[in-house]
PDB file of N, CA and C in Angstrom:
ATOM      1  N   MET A   1    -146.783 171.840 140.578  1.00  0.00           N
ATOM      2  CA  MET A   1    -145.894 171.061 141.396  1.00  0.00           C
ATOM      3  C   MET A   1    -146.522 170.878 142.782  1.00  0.00           C
ATOM      4  N   THR A   2    -146.513 169.680 143.298  1.00  0.00           N
ATOM      5  CA  THR A   2    -147.080 169.363 144.597  1.00  0.00           C
ATOM      6  C   THR A   2    -145.989 169.341 145.655  1.00  0.00           C
ATOM      7  N   ASP A   3    -146.287 169.935 146.789  1.00  0.00           N
ATOM      8  CA  ASP A   3    -145.353 169.938 147.908  1.00  0.00           C
ATOM      9  C   ASP A   3    -145.863 168.935 148.935  1.00  0.00           C
ATOM     10  N   ASP A   4    -145.241 167.783 149.000  1.00  0.00           N
ATOM     11  CA  ASP A   4    -145.649 166.739 149.938  1.00  0.00           C
ATOM     12  C   ASP A   4    -144.842 166.771 151.229  1.00  0.00           C
ATOM     13  N   GLY A   5    -144.074 167.819 151.436  1.00  0.00           N
ATOM     14  CA  GLY A   5    -143.219 167.907 152.611  1.00  0.00           C
ATOM     15  C   GLY A   5    -144.010 168.063 153.904  1.00  0.00           C
ATOM     16  N   VAL A   6    -143.368 167.716 154.988  1.00  0.00           N
ATOM     17  CA  VAL A   6    -143.943 167.925 156.313  1.00  0.00           C
ATOM     18  C   VAL A   6    -143.228 169.120 156.935  1.00  0.00           C
ATOM     19  N   TYR A   7    -144.006 170.036 157.436  1.00  0.00           N
ATOM     20  CA  TYR A   7    -143.487 171.273 158.006  1.00  0.00           C
ATOM     21  C   TYR A   7    -143.896 171.365 159.465  1.00  0.00           C
ATOM     22  N   ARG A   8    -143.272 172.303 160.172  1.00  0.00           N
ATOM     23  CA  ARG A   8    -143.709 172.609 161.527  1.00  0.00           C
ATOM     24  C   ARG A   8    -143.761 174.121 161.688  1.00  0.00           C
ATOM     25  N   VAL A   9    -144.613 174.545 162.582  1.00  0.00           N
ATOM     26  CA  VAL A   9    -144.736 175.963 162.883  1.00  0.00           C
ATOM     27  C   VAL A   9    -143.663 176.316 163.894  1.00  0.00           C
ATOM     28  N   VAL A  10    -142.958 177.400 163.634  1.00  0.00           N
ATOM     29  CA  VAL A  10    -141.900 177.867 164.524  1.00  0.00           C
ATOM     30  C   VAL A  10    -142.179 179.309 164.931  1.00  0.00           C
ATOM     31  N   ARG A  11    -141.611 179.696 166.066  1.00  0.00           N
ATOM     32  CA  ARG A  11    -141.819 181.048 166.591  1.00  0.00           C
ATOM     33  C   ARG A  11    -140.506 181.544 167.163  1.00  0.00           C
ATOM     34  N   ASN A  12    -140.254 182.846 167.016  1.00  0.00           N
ATOM     35  CA  ASN A  12    -139.028 183.422 167.569  1.00  0.00           C
ATOM     36  C   ASN A  12    -139.325 184.189 168.860  1.00  0.00           C
ATOM     37  N   ASP A  13    -138.301 184.778 169.452  1.00  0.00           N
ATOM     38  CA  ASP A  13    -138.460 185.491 170.723  1.00  0.00           C
ATOM     39  C   ASP A  13    -139.366 186.714 170.610  1.00  0.00           C
ATOM     40  N   GLU A  14    -139.531 187.216 169.414  1.00  0.00           N
ATOM     41  CA  GLU A  14    -140.406 188.366 169.184  1.00  0.00           C
ATOM     42  C   GLU A  14    -141.848 187.930 168.910  1.00  0.00           C
ATOM     43  N   GLU A  15    -142.106 186.625 169.078  1.00  0.00           N
ATOM     44  CA  GLU A  15    -143.431 186.031 168.865  1.00  0.00           C
ATOM     45  C   GLU A  15    -143.910 186.190 167.426  1.00  0.00           C
ATOM     46  N   GLN A  16    -142.967 186.083 166.498  1.00  0.00           N
ATOM     47  CA  GLN A  16    -143.272 186.065 165.079  1.00  0.00           C
ATOM     48  C   GLN A  16    -143.262 184.607 164.627  1.00  0.00           C
ATOM     49  N   TYR A  17    -144.137 184.247 163.724  1.00  0.00           N
ATOM     50  CA  TYR A  17    -144.299 182.861 163.301  1.00  0.00           C
ATOM     51  C   TYR A  17    -143.782 182.642 161.885  1.00  0.00           C
ATOM     52  N   SER A  18    -143.420 181.406 161.620  1.00  0.00           N
ATOM     53  CA  SER A  18    -143.011 180.978 160.286  1.00  0.00           C
ATOM     54  C   SER A  18    -143.190 179.463 160.214  1.00  0.00           C
ATOM     55  N   ILE A  19    -142.859 178.895 159.064  1.00  0.00           N
ATOM     56  CA  ILE A  19    -142.854 177.440 158.945  1.00  0.00           C
ATOM     57  C   ILE A  19    -141.447 176.989 158.595  1.00  0.00           C
ATOM     58  N   TRP A  20    -141.142 175.758 158.953  1.00  0.00           N
ATOM     59  CA  TRP A  20    -139.815 175.188 158.717  1.00  0.00           C
ATOM     60  C   TRP A  20    -139.981 173.711 158.430  1.00  0.00           C
ATOM     61  N   TRP A  21    -139.110 173.161 157.603  1.00  0.00           N
ATOM     62  CA  TRP A  21    -139.178 171.739 157.280  1.00  0.00           C
ATOM     63  C   TRP A  21    -139.012 170.921 158.554  1.00  0.00           C
ATOM     64  N   ALA A  22    -139.876 169.927 158.740  1.00  0.00           N
ATOM     65  CA  ALA A  22    -139.872 169.128 159.974  1.00  0.00           C
ATOM     66  C   ALA A  22    -138.612 168.293 160.128  1.00  0.00           C
ATOM     67  N   ASP A  23    -137.973 167.954 159.016  1.00  0.00           N
ATOM     68  CA  ASP A  23    -136.797 167.080 159.094  1.00  0.00           C
ATOM     69  C   ASP A  23    -135.479 167.844 159.147  1.00  0.00           C
ATOM     70  N   ARG A  24    -135.547 169.154 159.321  1.00  0.00           N
ATOM     71  CA  ARG A  24    -134.315 169.960 159.379  1.00  0.00           C
ATOM     72  C   ARG A  24    -134.150 170.595 160.748  1.00  0.00           C
ATOM     73  N   GLU A  25    -132.909 170.829 161.106  1.00  0.00           N
ATOM     74  CA  GLU A  25    -132.608 171.506 162.359  1.00  0.00           C
ATOM     75  C   GLU A  25    -133.159 172.924 162.304  1.00  0.00           C
ATOM     76  N   LEU A  26    -133.705 173.364 163.422  1.00  0.00           N
ATOM     77  CA  LEU A  26    -134.281 174.709 163.467  1.00  0.00           C
ATOM     78  C   LEU A  26    -133.187 175.768 163.346  1.00  0.00           C
ATOM     79  N   PRO A  27    -133.498 176.879 162.685  1.00  0.00           N
ATOM     80  CA  PRO A  27    -132.522 177.966 162.631  1.00  0.00           C
ATOM     81  C   PRO A  27    -132.381 178.594 164.016  1.00  0.00           C
ATOM     82  N   LEU A  28    -131.234 179.200 164.258  1.00  0.00           N
ATOM     83  CA  LEU A  28    -130.987 179.855 165.542  1.00  0.00           C
ATOM     84  C   LEU A  28    -132.051 180.905 165.816  1.00  0.00           C
ATOM     85  N   GLY A  29    -132.508 180.937 167.048  1.00  0.00           N
ATOM     86  CA  GLY A  29    -133.481 181.942 167.447  1.00  0.00           C
ATOM     87  C   GLY A  29    -134.929 181.517 167.268  1.00  0.00           C
ATOM     88  N   TRP A  30    -135.169 180.323 166.754  1.00  0.00           N
ATOM     89  CA  TRP A  30    -136.527 179.844 166.514  1.00  0.00           C
ATOM     90  C   TRP A  30    -136.771 178.576 167.318  1.00  0.00           C
ATOM     91  N   THR A  31    -138.009 178.417 167.807  1.00  0.00           N
ATOM     92  CA  THR A  31    -138.394 177.215 168.530  1.00  0.00           C
ATOM     93  C   THR A  31    -139.656 176.636 167.900  1.00  0.00           C
ATOM     94  N   ALA A  32    -139.794 175.324 168.010  1.00  0.00           N
ATOM     95  CA  ALA A  32    -140.991 174.664 167.482  1.00  0.00           C
ATOM     96  C   ALA A  32    -142.174 175.051 168.358  1.00  0.00           C
ATOM     97  N   GLU A  33    -143.264 175.418 167.735  1.00  0.00           N
ATOM     98  CA  GLU A  33    -144.461 175.865 168.429  1.00  0.00           C
ATOM     99  C   GLU A  33    -145.342 174.684 168.822  1.00  0.00           C
ATOM    100  N   GLY A  34    -145.201 173.562 168.120  1.00  0.00           N
ATOM    101  CA  GLY A  34    -145.955 172.370 168.464  1.00  0.00           C
ATOM    102  C   GLY A  34    -146.864 171.855 167.366  1.00  0.00           C
ATOM    103  N   THR A  35    -147.064 172.639 166.323  1.00  0.00           N
ATOM    104  CA  THR A  35    -147.933 172.239 165.220  1.00  0.00           C
ATOM    105  C   THR A  35    -147.083 171.771 164.054  1.00  0.00           C
ATOM    106  N   SER A  36    -147.487 170.672 163.437  1.00  0.00           N
ATOM    107  CA  SER A  36    -146.803 170.204 162.233  1.00  0.00           C
ATOM    108  C   SER A  36    -147.834 169.637 161.273  1.00  0.00           C
ATOM    109  N   GLY A  37    -147.449 169.539 160.012  1.00  0.00           N
ATOM    110  CA  GLY A  37    -148.347 169.021 158.984  1.00  0.00           C
ATOM    111  C   GLY A  37    -147.916 169.503 157.619  1.00  0.00           C
ATOM    112  N   SER A  38    -148.862 169.560 156.714  1.00  0.00           N
ATOM    113  CA  SER A  38    -148.566 170.058 155.374  1.00  0.00           C
ATOM    114  C   SER A  38    -148.276 171.555 155.446  1.00  0.00           C
ATOM    115  N   LYS A  39    -147.717 172.067 154.386  1.00  0.00           N
ATOM    116  CA  LYS A  39    -147.423 173.500 154.334  1.00  0.00           C
ATOM    117  C   LYS A  39    -148.697 174.308 154.564  1.00  0.00           C
ATOM    118  N   GLN A  40    -149.776 173.919 153.890  1.00  0.00           N
ATOM    119  CA  GLN A  40    -151.031 174.662 154.015  1.00  0.00           C
ATOM    120  C   GLN A  40    -151.622 174.547 155.410  1.00  0.00           C
ATOM    121  N   GLU A  41    -151.537 173.369 156.021  1.00  0.00           N
ATOM    122  CA  GLU A  41    -152.041 173.213 157.390  1.00  0.00           C
ATOM    123  C   GLU A  41    -151.296 174.123 158.353  1.00  0.00           C
ATOM    124  N   CYS A  42    -149.998 174.200 158.194  1.00  0.00           N
ATOM    125  CA  CYS A  42    -149.195 175.071 159.060  1.00  0.00           C
ATOM    126  C   CYS A  42    -149.517 176.538 158.821  1.00  0.00           C
ATOM    127  N   LEU A  43    -149.645 176.921 157.564  1.00  0.00           N
ATOM    128  CA  LEU A  43    -149.985 178.311 157.256  1.00  0.00           C
ATOM    129  C   LEU A  43    -151.373 178.669 157.777  1.00  0.00           C
ATOM    130  N   ASP A  44    -152.317 177.735 157.664  1.00  0.00           N
ATOM    131  CA  ASP A  44    -153.661 177.974 158.189  1.00  0.00           C
ATOM    132  C   ASP A  44    -153.624 178.172 159.701  1.00  0.00           C
ATOM    133  N   HIS A  45    -152.824 177.365 160.390  1.00  0.00           N
ATOM    134  CA  HIS A  45    -152.681 177.496 161.850  1.00  0.00           C
ATOM    135  C   HIS A  45    -152.103 178.865 162.208  1.00  0.00           C
ATOM    136  N   ILE A  46    -151.065 179.276 161.506  1.00  0.00           N
ATOM    137  CA  ILE A  46    -150.467 180.588 161.769  1.00  0.00           C
ATOM    138  C   ILE A  46    -151.505 181.690 161.560  1.00  0.00           C
ATOM    139  N   GLY A  47    -152.316 181.545 160.518  1.00  0.00           N
ATOM    140  CA  GLY A  47    -153.364 182.538 160.256  1.00  0.00           C
ATOM    141  C   GLY A  47    -154.358 182.664 161.394  1.00  0.00           C
ATOM    142  N   LYS A  48    -154.557 181.593 162.141  1.00  0.00           N
ATOM    143  CA  LYS A  48    -155.489 181.613 163.276  1.00  0.00           C
ATOM    144  C   LYS A  48    -154.857 182.176 164.542  1.00  0.00           C
ATOM    145  N   VAL A  49    -153.586 181.871 164.788  1.00  0.00           N
ATOM    146  CA  VAL A  49    -152.975 182.234 166.071  1.00  0.00           C
ATOM    147  C   VAL A  49    -152.169 183.535 166.045  1.00  0.00           C
ATOM    148  N   TRP A  50    -151.764 183.994 164.883  1.00  0.00           N
ATOM    149  CA  TRP A  50    -150.917 185.196 164.813  1.00  0.00           C
ATOM    150  C   TRP A  50    -151.774 186.362 164.365  1.00  0.00           C
ATOM    151  N   SER A  51    -152.480 186.956 165.313  1.00  0.00           N
ATOM    152  CA  SER A  51    -153.424 188.024 164.975  1.00  0.00           C
ATOM    153  C   SER A  51    -152.794 189.414 164.998  1.00  0.00           C
ATOM    154  N   ASP A  52    -151.668 189.560 165.670  1.00  0.00           N
ATOM    155  CA  ASP A  52    -150.989 190.858 165.743  1.00  0.00           C
ATOM    156  C   ASP A  52    -149.574 190.679 165.209  1.00  0.00           C
ATOM    157  N   MET A  53    -149.316 191.198 164.034  1.00  0.00           N
ATOM    158  CA  MET A  53    -148.043 190.982 163.355  1.00  0.00           C
ATOM    159  C   MET A  53    -146.888 191.805 163.929  1.00  0.00           C
ATOM    160  N   ARG A  54    -147.193 192.719 164.821  1.00  0.00           N
ATOM    161  CA  ARG A  54    -146.108 193.538 165.377  1.00  0.00           C
ATOM    162  C   ARG A  54    -145.209 192.679 166.258  1.00  0.00           C
ATOM    163  N   PRO A  55    -143.896 192.905 166.203  1.00  0.00           N
ATOM    164  CA  PRO A  55    -142.990 192.180 167.096  1.00  0.00           C
ATOM    165  C   PRO A  55    -143.364 192.446 168.563  1.00  0.00           C
ATOM    166  N   ARG A  56    -143.104 191.483 169.417  1.00  0.00           N
ATOM    167  CA  ARG A  56    -143.436 191.595 170.838  1.00  0.00           C
ATOM    168  C   ARG A  56    -142.839 192.853 171.450  1.00  0.00           C
ATOM    169  N   SER A  57    -141.580 193.167 171.117  1.00  0.00           N
ATOM    170  CA  SER A  57    -140.929 194.339 171.708  1.00  0.00           C
ATOM    171  C   SER A  57    -141.663 195.627 171.333  1.00  0.00           C
ATOM    172  N   LEU A  58    -142.169 195.721 170.125  1.00  0.00           N
ATOM    173  CA  LEU A  58    -142.918 196.906 169.710  1.00  0.00           C
ATOM    174  C   LEU A  58    -144.250 196.974 170.442  1.00  0.00           C
ATOM    175  N   ARG A  59    -144.944 195.841 170.572  1.00  0.00           N
ATOM    176  CA  ARG A  59    -146.222 195.836 171.303  1.00  0.00           C
ATOM    177  C   ARG A  59    -146.009 196.291 172.738  1.00  0.00           C
ATOM    178  N   GLU A  60    -144.942 195.814 173.382  1.00  0.00           N
ATOM    179  CA  GLU A  60    -144.658 196.197 174.755  1.00  0.00           C
ATOM    180  C   GLU A  60    -144.310 197.680 174.865  1.00  0.00           C
ATOM    181  N   GLN A  61    -143.526 198.176 173.912  1.00  0.00           N
ATOM    182  CA  GLN A  61    -143.156 199.591 173.899  1.00  0.00           C
ATOM    183  C   GLN A  61    -144.390 200.471 173.734  1.00  0.00           C
ATOM    184  N   MET A  62    -145.272 200.074 172.848  1.00  0.00           N
ATOM    185  CA  MET A  62    -146.481 200.863 172.608  1.00  0.00           C
ATOM    186  C   MET A  62    -147.419 200.798 173.821  1.00  0.00           C
ATOM    187  N   ALA A  63    -147.451 199.693 174.520  1.00  0.00           N
ATOM    188  CA  ALA A  63    -148.294 199.571 175.702  1.00  0.00           C
ATOM    189  C   ALA A  63    -147.810 200.478 176.826  1.00  0.00           C
ATOM    190  N   ARG A  64    -146.490 200.690 176.894  1.00  0.00           N
ATOM    191  CA  ARG A  64    -145.925 201.567 177.940  1.00  0.00           C
ATOM    192  C   ARG A  64    -146.142 203.037 177.618  1.00  0.00           C
ATOM    193  N   ALA A  65    -146.304 203.361 176.353  1.00  0.00           N
ATOM    194  CA  ALA A  65    -146.429 204.773 175.942  1.00  0.00           C
ATOM    195  C   ALA A  65    -147.784 205.348 176.292  1.00  0.00           C
TER     196      ALA A  65
END
């Protein structure tokens, strides 16, 4: 099955990334990051920019420790 949908990369306040359908309203707590395209293009972009999977709050807590 081919997925011809257009997606966009979204990010939450914890700096975690996901993809969302471009033609749908964003879920609460998520903002568009600025990248859109095919599912694979969006996933490839996330793979490049999301190098630390820990939530922002955990990274900050660990930096203070």
